[in-house]
Amino acid sequence: MAFPIRIAPGPRFYGEQVRSQGPERRFVYIAIGQQAGDGASCWNRRMKIDIHDIAPALLEKGMKGKVLEGSVQGTGSDGTPACASVLLRSWRAV
């Protein structure tokens, strides 16, 4: 899944997908099943991906036009789709 987020000095994050909690926490939601528009799905979940803690060196690359890509484990320990706050495996600039 891909969506644009603009990164400004501070850092500040802008985009339709960006959500906030408190003065610093910024994150995006990834919808799953019914929340993603699949009415036939038995799942009604979303993953919460923090973006406020991306390493400053990567944010600099993002501000200079690079695409930042994150990787998550999409399956929970019980074998169902991951949901709630999900830790990223890694971030990289591509």
PDB file of N, CA and C in Angstrom:
ATOM      1  N   MET A   1       0.847  -1.159   0.000  1.00  0.00           N
ATOM      2  CA  MET A   1       0.000   0.000   0.000  1.00  0.00           C
ATOM      3  C   MET A   1       0.901   1.233   0.000  1.00  0.00           C
ATOM      4  N   ALA A   2       0.576   2.195  -0.786  1.00  0.00           N
ATOM      5  CA  ALA A   2       1.378   3.421  -0.869  1.00  0.00           C
ATOM      6  C   ALA A   2       0.457   4.637  -0.746  1.00  0.00           C
ATOM      7  N   PHE A   3       0.937   5.659  -0.047  1.00  0.00           N
ATOM      8  CA  PHE A   3       0.212   6.919   0.043  1.00  0.00           C
ATOM      9  C   PHE A   3       1.217   8.018   0.366  1.00  0.00           C
ATOM     10  N   PRO A   4       0.948   9.231  -0.102  1.00  0.00           N
ATOM     11  CA  PRO A   4       1.913  10.314   0.100  1.00  0.00           C
ATOM     12  C   PRO A   4       1.796  10.946   1.482  1.00  0.00           C
ATOM     13  N   ILE A   5       2.951  11.237   2.059  1.00  0.00           N
ATOM     14  CA  ILE A   5       3.054  12.022   3.286  1.00  0.00           C
ATOM     15  C   ILE A   5       4.173  13.023   3.044  1.00  0.00           C
ATOM     16  N   ARG A   6       3.870  14.289   3.241  1.00  0.00           N
ATOM     17  CA  ARG A   6       4.904  15.314   3.089  1.00  0.00           C
ATOM     18  C   ARG A   6       5.579  15.518   4.434  1.00  0.00           C
ATOM     19  N   ILE A   7       6.896  15.572   4.414  1.00  0.00           N
ATOM     20  CA  ILE A   7       7.685  15.759   5.628  1.00  0.00           C
ATOM     21  C   ILE A   7       8.318  17.144   5.571  1.00  0.00           C
ATOM     22  N   ALA A   8       8.106  17.918   6.625  1.00  0.00           N
ATOM     23  CA  ALA A   8       8.685  19.261   6.709  1.00  0.00           C
ATOM     24  C   ALA A   8       9.607  19.304   7.925  1.00  0.00           C
ATOM     25  N   PRO A   9      10.502  20.302   7.972  1.00  0.00           N
ATOM     26  CA  PRO A   9      11.390  20.426   9.131  1.00  0.00           C
ATOM     27  C   PRO A   9      10.588  20.461  10.432  1.00  0.00           C
ATOM     28  N   GLY A  10      11.181  19.925  11.448  1.00  0.00           N
ATOM     29  CA  GLY A  10      10.546  19.916  12.763  1.00  0.00           C
ATOM     30  C   GLY A  10      10.690  18.596  13.505  1.00  0.00           C
ATOM     31  N   PRO A  11      10.448  17.444  12.988  1.00  0.00           N
ATOM     32  CA  PRO A  11       9.720  17.212  11.732  1.00  0.00           C
ATOM     33  C   PRO A  11       8.214  17.377  11.919  1.00  0.00           C
ATOM     34  N   ARG A  12       7.579  17.746  10.808  1.00  0.00           N
ATOM     35  CA  ARG A  12       6.123  17.833  10.741  1.00  0.00           C
ATOM     36  C   ARG A  12       5.691  16.955   9.583  1.00  0.00           C
ATOM     37  N   PHE A  13       4.528  16.322   9.728  1.00  0.00           N
ATOM     38  CA  PHE A  13       4.023  15.383   8.732  1.00  0.00           C
ATOM     39  C   PHE A  13       2.660  15.861   8.242  1.00  0.00           C
ATOM     40  N   TYR A  14       2.479  15.828   6.925  1.00  0.00           N
ATOM     41  CA  TYR A  14       1.231  16.277   6.316  1.00  0.00           C
ATOM     42  C   TYR A  14       0.732  15.226   5.335  1.00  0.00           C
ATOM     43  N   GLY A  15      -0.562  15.040   5.290  1.00  0.00           N
ATOM     44  CA  GLY A  15      -1.171  14.125   4.337  1.00  0.00           C
ATOM     45  C   GLY A  15      -2.503  13.616   4.865  1.00  0.00           C
ATOM     46  N   GLU A  16      -3.344  13.136   3.955  1.00  0.00           N
ATOM     47  CA  GLU A  16      -4.670  12.655   4.342  1.00  0.00           C
ATOM     48  C   GLU A  16      -4.600  11.496   5.328  1.00  0.00           C
ATOM     49  N   GLN A  17      -3.563  10.693   5.271  1.00  0.00           N
ATOM     50  CA  GLN A  17      -3.445   9.508   6.116  1.00  0.00           C
ATOM     51  C   GLN A  17      -2.859   9.809   7.502  1.00  0.00           C
ATOM     52  N   VAL A  18      -2.259  10.969   7.675  1.00  0.00           N
ATOM     53  CA  VAL A  18      -1.564  11.292   8.931  1.00  0.00           C
ATOM     54  C   VAL A  18      -2.580  11.621  10.031  1.00  0.00           C
ATOM     55  N   ARG A  19      -2.387  10.989  11.171  1.00  0.00           N
ATOM     56  CA  ARG A  19      -3.207  11.232  12.356  1.00  0.00           C
ATOM     57  C   ARG A  19      -2.277  11.661  13.491  1.00  0.00           C
ATOM     58  N   SER A  20      -2.851  12.302  14.503  1.00  0.00           N
ATOM     59  CA  SER A  20      -2.027  12.748  15.626  1.00  0.00           C
ATOM     60  C   SER A  20      -2.648  12.321  16.945  1.00  0.00           C
ATOM     61  N   GLN A  21      -1.772  12.203  17.928  1.00  0.00           N
ATOM     62  CA  GLN A  21      -2.175  11.914  19.299  1.00  0.00           C
ATOM     63  C   GLN A  21      -1.220  12.709  20.189  1.00  0.00           C
ATOM     64  N   GLY A  22      -1.732  13.727  20.823  1.00  0.00           N
ATOM     65  CA  GLY A  22      -0.882  14.580  21.636  1.00  0.00           C
ATOM     66  C   GLY A  22      -0.027  15.491  20.771  1.00  0.00           C
ATOM     67  N   PRO A  23       0.930  16.185  21.393  1.00  0.00           N
ATOM     68  CA  PRO A  23       1.713  17.172  20.657  1.00  0.00           C
ATOM     69  C   PRO A  23       2.757  16.585  19.711  1.00  0.00           C
ATOM     70  N   GLU A  24       3.182  15.330  19.906  1.00  0.00           N
ATOM     71  CA  GLU A  24       4.271  14.792  19.092  1.00  0.00           C
ATOM     72  C   GLU A  24       3.949  13.517  18.326  1.00  0.00           C
ATOM     73  N   ARG A  25       3.102  12.654  18.841  1.00  0.00           N
ATOM     74  CA  ARG A  25       2.884  11.350  18.206  1.00  0.00           C
ATOM     75  C   ARG A  25       2.118  11.523  16.888  1.00  0.00           C
ATOM     76  N   ARG A  26       2.714  10.987  15.817  1.00  0.00           N
ATOM     77  CA  ARG A  26       2.092  10.986  14.499  1.00  0.00           C
ATOM     78  C   ARG A  26       2.096   9.558  13.987  1.00  0.00           C
ATOM     79  N   PHE A  27       1.008   9.168  13.325  1.00  0.00           N
ATOM     80  CA  PHE A  27       0.873   7.800  12.863  1.00  0.00           C
ATOM     81  C   PHE A  27      -0.074   7.746  11.677  1.00  0.00           C
ATOM     82  N   VAL A  28      -0.130   6.595  11.037  1.00  0.00           N
ATOM     83  CA  VAL A  28      -1.089   6.320   9.960  1.00  0.00           C
ATOM     84  C   VAL A  28      -1.823   5.031  10.316  1.00  0.00           C
ATOM     85  N   TYR A  29      -3.033   4.901   9.802  1.00  0.00           N
ATOM     86  CA  TYR A  29      -3.795   3.665   9.948  1.00  0.00           C
ATOM     87  C   TYR A  29      -3.784   2.919   8.620  1.00  0.00           C
ATOM     88  N   ILE A  30      -3.665   1.605   8.691  1.00  0.00           N
ATOM     89  CA  ILE A  30      -3.824   0.737   7.530  1.00  0.00           C
ATOM     90  C   ILE A  30      -5.083  -0.083   7.790  1.00  0.00           C
ATOM     91  N   ALA A  31      -6.106   0.117   6.992  1.00  0.00           N
ATOM     92  CA  ALA A  31      -7.387  -0.561   7.178  1.00  0.00           C
ATOM     93  C   ALA A  31      -7.331  -1.991   6.637  1.00  0.00           C
ATOM     94  N   ILE A  32      -8.072  -2.882   7.319  1.00  0.00           N
ATOM     95  CA  ILE A  32      -8.116  -4.301   6.953  1.00  0.00           C
ATOM     96  C   ILE A  32      -9.576  -4.745   6.903  1.00  0.00           C
ATOM     97  N   GLY A  33      -9.914  -5.551   5.911  1.00  0.00           N
ATOM     98  CA  GLY A  33     -11.249  -6.143   5.824  1.00  0.00           C
ATOM     99  C   GLY A  33     -12.338  -5.111   5.643  1.00  0.00           C
ATOM    100  N   GLN A  34     -13.352  -5.155   6.509  1.00  0.00           N
ATOM    101  CA  GLN A  34     -14.499  -4.257   6.385  1.00  0.00           C
ATOM    102  C   GLN A  34     -14.088  -2.792   6.451  1.00  0.00           C
ATOM    103  N   GLN A  35     -13.087  -2.469   7.267  1.00  0.00           N
ATOM    104  CA  GLN A  35     -12.642  -1.077   7.346  1.00  0.00           C
ATOM    105  C   GLN A  35     -11.971  -0.621   6.063  1.00  0.00           C
ATOM    106  N   ALA A  36     -11.521  -1.583   5.252  1.00  0.00           N
ATOM    107  CA  ALA A  36     -10.898  -1.261   3.962  1.00  0.00           C
ATOM    108  C   ALA A  36     -11.926  -1.311   2.836  1.00  0.00           C
ATOM    109  N   GLY A  37     -13.199  -1.486   3.192  1.00  0.00           N
ATOM    110  CA  GLY A  37     -14.252  -1.484   2.182  1.00  0.00           C
ATOM    111  C   GLY A  37     -14.675  -2.854   1.689  1.00  0.00           C
ATOM    112  N   ASP A  38     -14.151  -3.919   2.268  1.00  0.00           N
ATOM    113  CA  ASP A  38     -14.524  -5.281   1.878  1.00  0.00           C
ATOM    114  C   ASP A  38     -15.651  -5.759   2.790  1.00  0.00           C
ATOM    115  N   GLY A  39     -16.881  -5.496   2.387  1.00  0.00           N
ATOM    116  CA  GLY A  39     -18.042  -5.837   3.196  1.00  0.00           C
ATOM    117  C   GLY A  39     -18.213  -7.326   3.453  1.00  0.00           C
ATOM    118  N   ALA A  40     -17.628  -8.164   2.619  1.00  0.00           N
ATOM    119  CA  ALA A  40     -17.757  -9.611   2.778  1.00  0.00           C
ATOM    120  C   ALA A  40     -16.721 -10.189   3.746  1.00  0.00           C
ATOM    121  N   SER A  41     -15.753  -9.389   4.148  1.00  0.00           N
ATOM    122  CA  SER A  41     -14.691  -9.878   5.026  1.00  0.00           C
ATOM    123  C   SER A  41     -15.213 -10.095   6.446  1.00  0.00           C
ATOM    124  N   CYS A  42     -14.666 -11.085   7.118  1.00  0.00           N
ATOM    125  CA  CYS A  42     -15.009 -11.293   8.535  1.00  0.00           C
ATOM    126  C   CYS A  42     -14.153 -10.408   9.435  1.00  0.00           C
ATOM    127  N   TRP A  43     -13.157  -9.726   8.858  1.00  0.00           N
ATOM    128  CA  TRP A  43     -12.258  -8.875   9.643  1.00  0.00           C
ATOM    129  C   TRP A  43     -12.708  -7.429   9.590  1.00  0.00           C
ATOM    130  N   ASN A  44     -12.551  -6.738  10.707  1.00  0.00           N
ATOM    131  CA  ASN A  44     -12.879  -5.325  10.803  1.00  0.00           C
ATOM    132  C   ASN A  44     -11.801  -4.699  11.689  1.00  0.00           C
ATOM    133  N   ARG A  45     -10.632  -4.499  11.101  1.00  0.00           N
ATOM    134  CA  ARG A  45      -9.463  -4.096  11.879  1.00  0.00           C
ATOM    135  C   ARG A  45      -8.686  -2.979  11.185  1.00  0.00           C
ATOM    136  N   ARG A  46      -7.714  -2.469  11.933  1.00  0.00           N
ATOM    137  CA  ARG A  46      -6.752  -1.542  11.353  1.00  0.00           C
ATOM    138  C   ARG A  46      -5.449  -1.625  12.140  1.00  0.00           C
ATOM    139  N   MET A  47      -4.353  -1.386  11.423  1.00  0.00           N
ATOM    140  CA  MET A  47      -3.024  -1.316  12.032  1.00  0.00           C
ATOM    141  C   MET A  47      -2.690   0.151  12.251  1.00  0.00           C
ATOM    142  N   LYS A  48      -2.040   0.442  13.353  1.00  0.00           N
ATOM    143  CA  LYS A  48      -1.591   1.798  13.667  1.00  0.00           C
ATOM    144  C   LYS A  48      -0.070   1.799  13.544  1.00  0.00           C
ATOM    145  N   ILE A  49       0.448   2.588  12.600  1.00  0.00           N
ATOM    146  CA  ILE A  49       1.876   2.633  12.310  1.00  0.00           C
ATOM    147  C   ILE A  49       2.433   4.001  12.715  1.00  0.00           C
ATOM    148  N   ASP A  50       3.313   4.015  13.715  1.00  0.00           N
ATOM    149  CA  ASP A  50       3.937   5.274  14.140  1.00  0.00           C
ATOM    150  C   ASP A  50       4.914   5.771  13.079  1.00  0.00           C
ATOM    151  N   ILE A  51       4.873   7.076  12.825  1.00  0.00           N
ATOM    152  CA  ILE A  51       5.828   7.679  11.890  1.00  0.00           C
ATOM    153  C   ILE A  51       6.676   8.753  12.562  1.00  0.00           C
ATOM    154  N   HIS A  52       6.307   9.184  13.765  1.00  0.00           N
ATOM    155  CA  HIS A  52       7.032  10.259  14.455  1.00  0.00           C
ATOM    156  C   HIS A  52       8.416   9.829  14.918  1.00  0.00           C
ATOM    157  N   ASP A  53       8.647   8.519  14.983  1.00  0.00           N
ATOM    158  CA  ASP A  53       9.935   8.042  15.489  1.00  0.00           C
ATOM    159  C   ASP A  53      10.865   7.508  14.392  1.00  0.00           C
ATOM    160  N   ILE A  54      10.600   7.893  13.162  1.00  0.00           N
ATOM    161  CA  ILE A  54      11.507   7.529  12.064  1.00  0.00           C
ATOM    162  C   ILE A  54      12.833   8.255  12.295  1.00  0.00           C
ATOM    163  N   ALA A  55      13.937   7.567  12.062  1.00  0.00           N
ATOM    164  CA  ALA A  55      15.267   8.134  12.292  1.00  0.00           C
ATOM    165  C   ALA A  55      15.453   9.454  11.532  1.00  0.00           C
ATOM    166  N   PRO A  56      16.059  10.447  12.176  1.00  0.00           N
ATOM    167  CA  PRO A  56      16.267  11.749  11.537  1.00  0.00           C
ATOM    168  C   PRO A  56      16.976  11.666  10.184  1.00  0.00           C
ATOM    169  N   ALA A  57      17.941  10.777  10.036  1.00  0.00           N
ATOM    170  CA  ALA A  57      18.659  10.659   8.750  1.00  0.00           C
ATOM    171  C   ALA A  57      17.712  10.235   7.630  1.00  0.00           C
ATOM    172  N   LEU A  58      16.759   9.352   7.933  1.00  0.00           N
ATOM    173  CA  LEU A  58      15.782   8.942   6.919  1.00  0.00           C
ATOM    174  C   LEU A  58      14.797  10.066   6.626  1.00  0.00           C
ATOM    175  N   LEU A  59      14.395  10.791   7.659  1.00  0.00           N
ATOM    176  CA  LEU A  59      13.486  11.916   7.429  1.00  0.00           C
ATOM    177  C   LEU A  59      14.115  12.943   6.502  1.00  0.00           C
ATOM    178  N   GLU A  60      15.409  13.193   6.668  1.00  0.00           N
ATOM    179  CA  GLU A  60      16.130  14.119   5.782  1.00  0.00           C
ATOM    180  C   GLU A  60      16.021  13.655   4.331  1.00  0.00           C
ATOM    181  N   LYS A  61      16.195  12.368   4.106  1.00  0.00           N
ATOM    182  CA  LYS A  61      16.080  11.827   2.750  1.00  0.00           C
ATOM    183  C   LYS A  61      14.670  12.010   2.216  1.00  0.00           C
ATOM    184  N   GLY A  62      13.673  11.816   3.089  1.00  0.00           N
ATOM    185  CA  GLY A  62      12.288  12.026   2.684  1.00  0.00           C
ATOM    186  C   GLY A  62      12.004  13.472   2.315  1.00  0.00           C
ATOM    187  N   MET A  63      12.613  14.406   3.042  1.00  0.00           N
ATOM    188  CA  MET A  63      12.427  15.833   2.735  1.00  0.00           C
ATOM    189  C   MET A  63      13.129  16.216   1.440  1.00  0.00           C
ATOM    190  N   LYS A  64      14.100  15.407   1.015  1.00  0.00           N
ATOM    191  CA  LYS A  64      14.832  15.691  -0.218  1.00  0.00           C
ATOM    192  C   LYS A  64      14.287  14.900  -1.400  1.00  0.00           C
ATOM    193  N   GLY A  65      13.080  14.350  -1.261  1.00  0.00           N
ATOM    194  CA  GLY A  65      12.426  13.714  -2.397  1.00  0.00           C
ATOM    195  C   GLY A  65      12.487  12.203  -2.458  1.00  0.00           C
ATOM    196  N   LYS A  66      13.222  11.578  -1.549  1.00  0.00           N
ATOM    197  CA  LYS A  66      13.265  10.116  -1.532  1.00  0.00           C
ATOM    198  C   LYS A  66      11.947   9.569  -0.977  1.00  0.00           C
ATOM    199  N   VAL A  67      11.588   8.372  -1.403  1.00  0.00           N
ATOM    200  CA  VAL A  67      10.416   7.683  -0.872  1.00  0.00           C
ATOM    201  C   VAL A  67      10.861   6.856   0.320  1.00  0.00           C
ATOM    202  N   LEU A  68      10.144   6.982   1.434  1.00  0.00           N
ATOM    203  CA  LEU A  68      10.432   6.165   2.610  1.00  0.00           C
ATOM    204  C   LEU A  68       9.468   4.986   2.612  1.00  0.00           C
ATOM    205  N   GLU A  69      10.023   3.825   2.781  1.00  0.00           N
ATOM    206  CA  GLU A  69       9.236   2.589   2.730  1.00  0.00           C
ATOM    207  C   GLU A  69       9.387   1.848   4.048  1.00  0.00           C
ATOM    208  N   GLY A  70       8.252   1.447   4.618  1.00  0.00           N
ATOM    209  CA  GLY A  70       8.268   0.680   5.856  1.00  0.00           C
ATOM    210  C   GLY A  70       7.761  -0.723   5.619  1.00  0.00           C
ATOM    211  N   SER A  71       8.234  -1.650   6.424  1.00  0.00           N
ATOM    212  CA  SER A  71       7.844  -3.051   6.314  1.00  0.00           C
ATOM    213  C   SER A  71       7.247  -3.509   7.637  1.00  0.00           C
ATOM    214  N   VAL A  72       6.051  -4.119   7.596  1.00  0.00           N
ATOM    215  CA  VAL A  72       5.399  -4.621   8.808  1.00  0.00           C
ATOM    216  C   VAL A  72       5.128  -6.111   8.685  1.00  0.00           C
ATOM    217  N   GLN A  73       4.989  -6.752   9.828  1.00  0.00           N
ATOM    218  CA  GLN A  73       4.519  -8.133   9.871  1.00  0.00           C
ATOM    219  C   GLN A  73       3.000  -8.040   9.825  1.00  0.00           C
ATOM    220  N   GLY A  74       2.401  -8.459   8.733  1.00  0.00           N
ATOM    221  CA  GLY A  74       0.960  -8.306   8.534  1.00  0.00           C
ATOM    222  C   GLY A  74       0.104  -9.362   9.198  1.00  0.00           C
ATOM    223  N   THR A  75       0.745 -10.392   9.754  1.00  0.00           N
ATOM    224  CA  THR A  75       0.016 -11.466  10.421  1.00  0.00           C
ATOM    225  C   THR A  75       0.350 -11.450  11.903  1.00  0.00           C
ATOM    226  N   GLY A  76      -0.677 -11.495  12.738  1.00  0.00           N
ATOM    227  CA  GLY A  76      -0.472 -11.530  14.177  1.00  0.00           C
ATOM    228  C   GLY A  76       0.009 -12.893  14.637  1.00  0.00           C
ATOM    229  N   SER A  77       0.402 -12.979  15.908  1.00  0.00           N
ATOM    230  CA  SER A  77       0.927 -14.240  16.451  1.00  0.00           C
ATOM    231  C   SER A  77      -0.117 -15.348  16.451  1.00  0.00           C
ATOM    232  N   ASP A  78      -1.407 -14.971  16.386  1.00  0.00           N
ATOM    233  CA  ASP A  78      -2.463 -15.970  16.352  1.00  0.00           C
ATOM    234  C   ASP A  78      -2.861 -16.372  14.933  1.00  0.00           C
ATOM    235  N   GLY A  79      -2.151 -15.848  13.932  1.00  0.00           N
ATOM    236  CA  GLY A  79      -2.417 -16.191  12.540  1.00  0.00           C
ATOM    237  C   GLY A  79      -3.457 -15.329  11.858  1.00  0.00           C
ATOM    238  N   THR A  80      -4.058 -14.390  12.574  1.00  0.00           N
ATOM    239  CA  THR A  80      -5.048 -13.487  11.990  1.00  0.00           C
ATOM    240  C   THR A  80      -4.350 -12.192  11.561  1.00  0.00           C
ATOM    241  N   PRO A  81      -5.037 -11.334  10.796  1.00  0.00           N
ATOM    242  CA  PRO A  81      -4.399 -10.074  10.388  1.00  0.00           C
ATOM    243  C   PRO A  81      -3.951  -9.250  11.600  1.00  0.00           C
ATOM    244  N   ALA A  82      -2.766  -8.686  11.511  1.00  0.00           N
ATOM    245  CA  ALA A  82      -2.245  -7.834  12.581  1.00  0.00           C
ATOM    246  C   ALA A  82      -3.151  -6.626  12.752  1.00  0.00           C
ATOM    247  N   CYS A  83      -3.243  -6.146  13.984  1.00  0.00           N
ATOM    248  CA  CYS A  83      -4.050  -4.961  14.242  1.00  0.00           C
ATOM    249  C   CYS A  83      -3.504  -4.219  15.447  1.00  0.00           C
ATOM    250  N   ALA A  84      -4.083  -3.081  15.738  1.00  0.00           N
ATOM    251  CA  ALA A  84      -3.664  -2.183  16.814  1.00  0.00           C
ATOM    252  C   ALA A  84      -2.301  -1.585  16.468  1.00  0.00           C
ATOM    253  N   SER A  85      -1.521  -1.194  17.453  1.00  0.00           N
ATOM    254  CA  SER A  85      -0.200  -0.618  17.187  1.00  0.00           C
ATOM    255  C   SER A  85       0.740  -1.723  16.735  1.00  0.00           C
ATOM    256  N   VAL A  86       1.319  -1.538  15.560  1.00  0.00           N
ATOM    257  CA  VAL A  86       2.191  -2.541  14.961  1.00  0.00           C
ATOM    258  C   VAL A  86       3.573  -1.932  14.805  1.00  0.00           C
ATOM    259  N   LEU A  87       4.599  -2.650  15.248  1.00  0.00           N
ATOM    260  CA  LEU A  87       5.960  -2.179  15.103  1.00  0.00           C
ATOM    261  C   LEU A  87       6.453  -2.486  13.681  1.00  0.00           C
ATOM    262  N   LEU A  88       7.132  -1.526  13.101  1.00  0.00           N
ATOM    263  CA  LEU A  88       7.699  -1.751  11.789  1.00  0.00           C
ATOM    264  C   LEU A  88       8.954  -2.587  11.904  1.00  0.00           C
ATOM    265  N   ARG A  89       9.143  -3.472  10.947  1.00  0.00           N
ATOM    266  CA  ARG A  89      10.377  -4.253  10.894  1.00  0.00           C
ATOM    267  C   ARG A  89      11.526  -3.333  10.546  1.00  0.00           C
ATOM    268  N   SER A  90      11.286  -2.443   9.594  1.00  0.00           N
ATOM    269  CA  SER A  90      12.339  -1.544   9.166  1.00  0.00           C
ATOM    270  C   SER A  90      11.779  -0.411   8.316  1.00  0.00           C
ATOM    271  N   TRP A  91      12.532   0.664   8.238  1.00  0.00           N
ATOM    272  CA  TRP A  91      12.295   1.770   7.307  1.00  0.00           C
ATOM    273  C   TRP A  91      13.486   1.845   6.397  1.00  0.00           C
ATOM    274  N   ARG A  92      13.278   2.274   5.169  1.00  0.00           N
ATOM    275  CA  ARG A  92      14.391   2.515   4.255  1.00  0.00           C
ATOM    276  C   ARG A  92      13.985   3.567   3.231  1.00  0.00           C
ATOM    277  N   ALA A  93      14.975   4.227   2.678  1.00  0.00           N
ATOM    278  CA  ALA A  93      14.752   5.210   1.617  1.00  0.00           C
ATOM    279  C   ALA A  93      14.990   4.514   0.294  1.00  0.00           C
ATOM    280  N   VAL A  94      14.049   4.673  -0.625  1.00  0.00           N
ATOM    281  CA  VAL A  94      14.172   4.042  -1.945  1.00  0.00           C
ATOM    282  C   VAL A  94      14.111   5.082  -3.036  1.00  0.00           C
TER     283      VAL A  94
END
